[in-house]
């Protein structure tokens, strides 16, 4: 199986603006951001999406995603964020390695 772009980022074979990294996950800014501060959180252990990820890996992924999202919206001085996970092509998943999009958003005024 050919490596996904996310696996190449994990393996340091592709560049990314890394926000956070530890032994279990990596977070980096999206190359086509929907808003300022849009980033992805990706588990280092491969799974295709939420249909196949191990529960312990999913729990940790969301824990870190929330923690980083709260820091990012504070840094950007915005009120909230969207958390999006696409699962399979019918749901607009393009890279088949589990990942969470964190998209900071301001309140509508």
Protein backbone atom coordinates (compact mmCIF):
# COMPACT_ATOMS: atom_id res chain seq x y z
CA UNK A 1 0.00 0.00 0.00
CA UNK A 2 1.32 3.44 -0.94
CA UNK A 3 1.82 5.88 1.92
CA UNK A 4 -0.72 8.65 2.36
CA UNK A 5 0.49 12.24 2.50
CA UNK A 6 -0.23 12.12 6.24
CA UNK A 7 2.01 9.08 6.70
CA UNK A 8 4.71 10.89 4.75
CA UNK A 9 4.36 13.87 7.11
CA UNK A 10 4.55 11.54 10.13
CA UNK A 11 7.67 9.91 8.66
CA UNK A 12 9.19 13.35 7.89
CA UNK A 13 9.19 12.60 4.15
CA UNK A 14 6.88 15.55 3.41
CA UNK A 15 6.88 19.07 4.82
CA UNK A 16 4.17 20.45 7.05
CA UNK A 17 3.83 23.33 9.47
CA UNK A 18 3.62 21.24 12.63
CA UNK A 19 1.58 22.60 15.52
CA UNK A 20 2.07 19.67 17.93
CA UNK A 21 3.63 16.22 17.98
CA UNK A 22 4.13 13.41 20.43
CA UNK A 23 4.46 9.61 20.19
CA UNK A 24 0.77 9.09 19.40
CA UNK A 25 -0.42 12.03 17.26
CA UNK A 26 0.74 14.84 15.03
CA UNK A 27 -1.08 18.12 14.41
CA UNK A 28 -0.30 20.43 11.52
CA UNK A 29 -1.87 23.34 9.69
CA UNK A 30 -4.01 22.56 6.64
CA UNK A 31 -2.37 23.50 3.32
CA UNK A 32 -5.77 24.73 2.05
CA UNK A 33 -7.27 26.30 5.17
CA UNK A 34 -10.98 27.12 5.38
CA UNK A 35 -10.19 29.77 8.02
CA UNK A 36 -7.12 31.15 9.73
CA UNK A 37 -5.77 28.53 12.12
CA UNK A 38 -7.37 25.52 10.38
CA UNK A 39 -5.35 22.46 11.38
CA UNK A 40 -5.50 18.68 11.36
CA UNK A 41 -4.85 16.17 14.11
CA UNK A 42 -3.72 12.75 12.88
CA UNK A 43 -3.01 9.56 14.82
CA UNK A 44 0.39 8.07 14.07
CA UNK A 45 -1.00 4.52 14.14
CA UNK A 46 -2.74 4.01 10.81
CA UNK A 47 -6.49 3.60 10.54
CA UNK A 48 -8.58 4.49 7.49
CA UNK A 49 -11.16 6.56 9.40
CA UNK A 50 -13.48 6.42 12.41
CA UNK A 51 -14.94 3.17 11.11
CA UNK A 52 -11.65 1.34 11.69
CA UNK A 53 -9.78 3.25 14.41
CA UNK A 54 -9.29 1.53 17.77
CA UNK A 55 -11.38 3.11 20.50
CA UNK A 56 -8.38 3.98 22.70
CA UNK A 57 -6.70 5.72 19.74
CA UNK A 58 -9.91 7.60 18.91
CA UNK A 59 -10.36 8.74 22.51
CA UNK A 60 -6.81 10.06 22.66
CA UNK A 61 -7.15 11.72 19.23
CA UNK A 62 -10.23 13.67 20.32
CA UNK A 63 -8.70 14.56 23.68
CA UNK A 64 -5.69 16.15 21.96
CA UNK A 65 -7.85 17.72 19.23
CA UNK A 66 -9.97 19.50 21.84
CA UNK A 67 -6.95 20.63 23.85
CA UNK A 68 -5.24 22.08 20.77
CA UNK A 69 -8.48 23.65 19.51
CA UNK A 70 -8.98 25.52 22.77
CA UNK A 71 -5.41 26.84 22.63
CA UNK A 72 -5.74 27.87 18.98
CA UNK A 73 -9.02 29.77 19.38
CA UNK A 74 -7.58 31.59 22.40
CA UNK A 75 -4.50 32.52 20.39
CA UNK A 76 -6.66 33.72 17.48
CA UNK A 77 -9.11 35.49 19.80
CA UNK A 78 -12.15 33.76 18.31
CA UNK A 79 -15.11 32.21 20.08
CA UNK A 80 -15.39 28.73 18.69
CA UNK A 81 -14.38 26.04 16.29
CA UNK A 82 -15.75 23.29 14.11
CA UNK A 83 -14.47 19.75 14.49
CA UNK A 84 -14.94 17.72 11.33
CA UNK A 85 -14.15 14.10 10.52
CA UNK A 86 -14.98 12.84 7.04
CA UNK A 87 -15.45 9.07 6.69
CA UNK A 88 -15.26 7.52 3.19
CA UNK A 89 -15.60 9.23 -0.20
CA UNK A 90 -19.37 9.71 0.18
CA UNK A 91 -18.58 11.98 3.14
CA UNK A 92 -15.85 13.85 1.27
CA UNK A 93 -12.89 12.01 2.81
CA UNK A 94 -9.95 12.52 0.45
CA UNK A 95 -6.95 11.27 2.44
CA UNK A 96 -7.62 7.78 3.75
CA UNK A 97 -5.85 8.06 7.10
CA UNK A 98 -7.99 9.05 10.08
CA UNK A 99 -7.80 12.78 10.77
CA UNK A 100 -9.72 15.50 12.54
CA UNK A 101 -10.12 18.98 11.06
CA UNK A 102 -10.21 21.81 13.59
CA UNK A 103 -11.57 24.95 11.97
CA UNK A 104 -11.62 28.06 14.16
CA UNK A 105 -14.67 30.28 13.69
CA UNK A 106 -15.88 33.62 14.90
CA UNK A 107 -19.42 34.31 16.03
CA UNK A 108 -21.69 35.95 13.49
CA UNK A 109 -22.37 39.55 14.40
